[in-house]
Amino acid sequence: MQFLKILFWSLLAFVAAVFTFGNWTNVTVQLFGGLVAEVNLPLLLLVTFLLGFVPTLIYQHWVRFRLRQRLTAAERATESALAAVRGIETPPVVTPPAPPANGAE
């Protein structure tokens, strides 16, 4: 399985390198105020991909974080409700006996 993962990522890197080499052309982008930027096409594609991917990734992590918190709270509430229904009380705290004061008996 590890071999297939390595093969997949190697092929993906190879395809990306071939695409970059084949499309290394300048693209003219009109900016605000009459500014013109000449950007390489692979860089432009990478930036537009990240503009769409990063906010989605942040949103997904936030939703997973909130769902994990809600699940933990629901589990705690269920455990405490079951303990109350069953009448299980917390075990009494047992303190160990105190050692002798002078160390010799």
C-alpha atoms as a PDB file:
ATOM      1  CA  MET A   1       0.000   0.000   0.000  1.00  0.00           C
ATOM      2  CA  GLN A   2       2.841   2.350   0.836  1.00  0.00           C
ATOM      3  CA  PHE A   3       4.337   1.702  -2.599  1.00  0.00           C
ATOM      4  CA  LEU A   4       1.082   2.737  -4.269  1.00  0.00           C
ATOM      5  CA  LYS A   5       0.986   5.969  -2.247  1.00  0.00           C
ATOM      6  CA  ILE A   6       4.545   6.809  -3.241  1.00  0.00           C
ATOM      7  CA  LEU A   7       3.776   5.962  -6.868  1.00  0.00           C
ATOM      8  CA  PHE A   8       0.659   8.158  -6.846  1.00  0.00           C
ATOM      9  CA  TRP A   9       2.426  11.210  -5.381  1.00  0.00           C
ATOM     10  CA  SER A  10       5.406  10.733  -7.699  1.00  0.00           C
ATOM     11  CA  LEU A  11       3.149  10.608 -10.750  1.00  0.00           C
ATOM     12  CA  LEU A  12       1.253  13.664  -9.523  1.00  0.00           C
ATOM     13  CA  ALA A  13       4.523  15.590  -9.067  1.00  0.00           C
ATOM     14  CA  PHE A  14       5.671  14.504 -12.528  1.00  0.00           C
ATOM     15  CA  VAL A  15       2.414  15.637 -14.154  1.00  0.00           C
ATOM     16  CA  ALA A  16       2.619  18.972 -12.324  1.00  0.00           C
ATOM     17  CA  ALA A  17       6.209  19.468 -13.498  1.00  0.00           C
ATOM     18  CA  VAL A  18       5.310  18.620 -17.112  1.00  0.00           C
ATOM     19  CA  PHE A  19       2.313  20.967 -16.966  1.00  0.00           C
ATOM     20  CA  THR A  20       4.453  23.761 -15.537  1.00  0.00           C
ATOM     21  CA  PHE A  21       7.140  23.267 -18.179  1.00  0.00           C
ATOM     22  CA  GLY A  22       4.610  23.129 -21.011  1.00  0.00           C
ATOM     23  CA  ASN A  23       2.625  26.188 -19.898  1.00  0.00           C
ATOM     24  CA  TRP A  24       5.366  28.563 -18.796  1.00  0.00           C
ATOM     25  CA  THR A  25       3.803  31.575 -20.491  1.00  0.00           C
ATOM     26  CA  ASN A  26       2.999  35.024 -19.220  1.00  0.00           C
ATOM     27  CA  VAL A  27      -0.619  35.996 -18.714  1.00  0.00           C
ATOM     28  CA  THR A  28      -1.602  39.664 -18.647  1.00  0.00           C
ATOM     29  CA  VAL A  29      -3.892  40.494 -15.727  1.00  0.00           C
ATOM     30  CA  GLN A  30      -5.661  43.875 -15.584  1.00  0.00           C
ATOM     31  CA  LEU A  31      -5.610  45.231 -12.024  1.00  0.00           C
ATOM     32  CA  PHE A  32      -7.361  48.201 -10.453  1.00  0.00           C
ATOM     33  CA  GLY A  33      -6.213  51.711 -11.317  1.00  0.00           C
ATOM     34  CA  GLY A  34      -4.994  50.746 -14.770  1.00  0.00           C
ATOM     35  CA  LEU A  35      -2.205  48.514 -13.449  1.00  0.00           C
ATOM     36  CA  VAL A  36      -1.173  45.532 -15.535  1.00  0.00           C
ATOM     37  CA  ALA A  37       0.500  42.444 -14.075  1.00  0.00           C
ATOM     38  CA  GLU A  38       2.258  39.822 -16.138  1.00  0.00           C
ATOM     39  CA  VAL A  39       2.026  36.576 -14.199  1.00  0.00           C
ATOM     40  CA  ASN A  40       3.247  33.109 -15.137  1.00  0.00           C
ATOM     41  CA  LEU A  41       0.309  30.790 -15.825  1.00  0.00           C
ATOM     42  CA  PRO A  42       1.302  28.015 -13.337  1.00  0.00           C
ATOM     43  CA  LEU A  43       1.639  30.587 -10.560  1.00  0.00           C
ATOM     44  CA  LEU A  44      -1.720  32.115 -11.442  1.00  0.00           C
ATOM     45  CA  LEU A  45      -3.387  28.685 -11.366  1.00  0.00           C
ATOM     46  CA  LEU A  46      -1.782  27.869  -8.004  1.00  0.00           C
ATOM     47  CA  VAL A  47      -2.958  31.137  -6.451  1.00  0.00           C
ATOM     48  CA  THR A  48      -6.526  30.726  -7.728  1.00  0.00           C
ATOM     49  CA  PHE A  49      -6.585  27.125  -6.442  1.00  0.00           C
ATOM     50  CA  LEU A  50      -5.419  28.236  -2.998  1.00  0.00           C
ATOM     51  CA  LEU A  51      -7.954  31.096  -2.927  1.00  0.00           C
ATOM     52  CA  GLY A  52     -10.714  28.516  -3.227  1.00  0.00           C
ATOM     53  CA  PHE A  53      -9.132  25.741  -1.166  1.00  0.00           C
ATOM     54  CA  VAL A  54      -7.861  27.489   1.969  1.00  0.00           C
ATOM     55  CA  PRO A  55     -11.170  29.069   3.116  1.00  0.00           C
ATOM     56  CA  THR A  56     -12.957  25.754   2.522  1.00  0.00           C
ATOM     57  CA  LEU A  57     -10.305  23.897   4.512  1.00  0.00           C
ATOM     58  CA  ILE A  58     -10.559  26.374   7.404  1.00  0.00           C
ATOM     59  CA  TYR A  59     -14.359  26.055   7.413  1.00  0.00           C
ATOM     60  CA  GLN A  60     -14.148  22.263   7.420  1.00  0.00           C
ATOM     61  CA  HIS A  61     -11.735  22.243  10.366  1.00  0.00           C
ATOM     62  CA  TRP A  62     -13.961  24.664  12.276  1.00  0.00           C
ATOM     63  CA  VAL A  63     -17.047  22.482  11.706  1.00  0.00           C
ATOM     64  CA  ARG A  64     -15.169  19.344  12.820  1.00  0.00           C
ATOM     65  CA  PHE A  65     -13.963  21.169  15.936  1.00  0.00           C
ATOM     66  CA  ARG A  66     -17.501  22.286  16.836  1.00  0.00           C
ATOM     67  CA  LEU A  67     -18.954  18.812  16.187  1.00  0.00           C
ATOM     68  CA  ARG A  68     -16.255  17.234  18.355  1.00  0.00           C
ATOM     69  CA  GLN A  69     -17.118  19.652  21.172  1.00  0.00           C
ATOM     70  CA  ARG A  70     -20.843  18.923  20.837  1.00  0.00           C
ATOM     71  CA  LEU A  71     -20.210  15.171  20.845  1.00  0.00           C
ATOM     72  CA  THR A  72     -18.072  15.401  23.976  1.00  0.00           C
ATOM     73  CA  ALA A  73     -20.728  17.473  25.749  1.00  0.00           C
ATOM     74  CA  ALA A  74     -23.454  15.015  24.725  1.00  0.00           C
ATOM     75  CA  GLU A  75     -21.403  12.051  25.959  1.00  0.00           C
ATOM     76  CA  ARG A  76     -20.814  13.761  29.314  1.00  0.00           C
ATOM     77  CA  ALA A  77     -24.509  14.571  29.669  1.00  0.00           C
ATOM     78  CA  THR A  78     -25.476  10.983  28.802  1.00  0.00           C
ATOM     79  CA  GLU A  79     -23.026   9.537  31.311  1.00  0.00           C
ATOM     80  CA  SER A  80     -24.237  11.799  34.104  1.00  0.00           C
ATOM     81  CA  ALA A  81     -27.900  11.079  33.270  1.00  0.00           C
ATOM     82  CA  LEU A  82     -27.275   7.315  33.281  1.00  0.00           C
ATOM     83  CA  ALA A  83     -25.418   7.568  36.574  1.00  0.00           C
ATOM     84  CA  ALA A  84     -28.319   9.508  38.095  1.00  0.00           C
ATOM     85  CA  VAL A  85     -30.886   6.981  36.831  1.00  0.00           C
ATOM     86  CA  ARG A  86     -28.924   3.974  38.061  1.00  0.00           C
ATOM     87  CA  GLY A  87     -28.286   5.613  41.411  1.00  0.00           C
ATOM     88  CA  ILE A  88     -24.562   5.205  41.162  1.00  0.00           C
ATOM     89  CA  GLU A  89     -22.812   7.490  43.545  1.00  0.00           C
ATOM     90  CA  THR A  90     -19.213   8.463  43.423  1.00  0.00           C
ATOM     91  CA  PRO A  91     -17.039   6.167  45.540  1.00  0.00           C
ATOM     92  CA  PRO A  92     -15.941   7.644  48.858  1.00  0.00           C
ATOM     93  CA  VAL A  93     -12.425   9.015  48.967  1.00  0.00           C
ATOM     94  CA  VAL A  94     -10.154   6.776  51.023  1.00  0.00           C
ATOM     95  CA  THR A  95      -7.203   8.480  52.618  1.00  0.00           C
ATOM     96  CA  PRO A  96      -4.124   6.389  53.425  1.00  0.00           C
ATOM     97  CA  PRO A  97      -3.119   6.145  57.101  1.00  0.00           C
ATOM     98  CA  ALA A  98      -0.589   8.703  58.267  1.00  0.00           C
ATOM     99  CA  PRO A  99       3.000   7.448  58.718  1.00  0.00           C
ATOM    100  CA  PRO A 100       4.459   7.430  62.238  1.00  0.00           C
ATOM    101  CA  ALA A 101       5.752  10.780  63.447  1.00  0.00           C
ATOM    102  CA  ASN A 102       9.319   9.802  64.416  1.00  0.00           C
ATOM    103  CA  GLY A 103       9.743   7.001  61.897  1.00  0.00           C
ATOM    104  CA  ALA A 104      10.535   4.314  64.554  1.00  0.00           C
ATOM    105  CA  GLU A 105       7.992   2.344  66.543  1.00  0.00           C
END
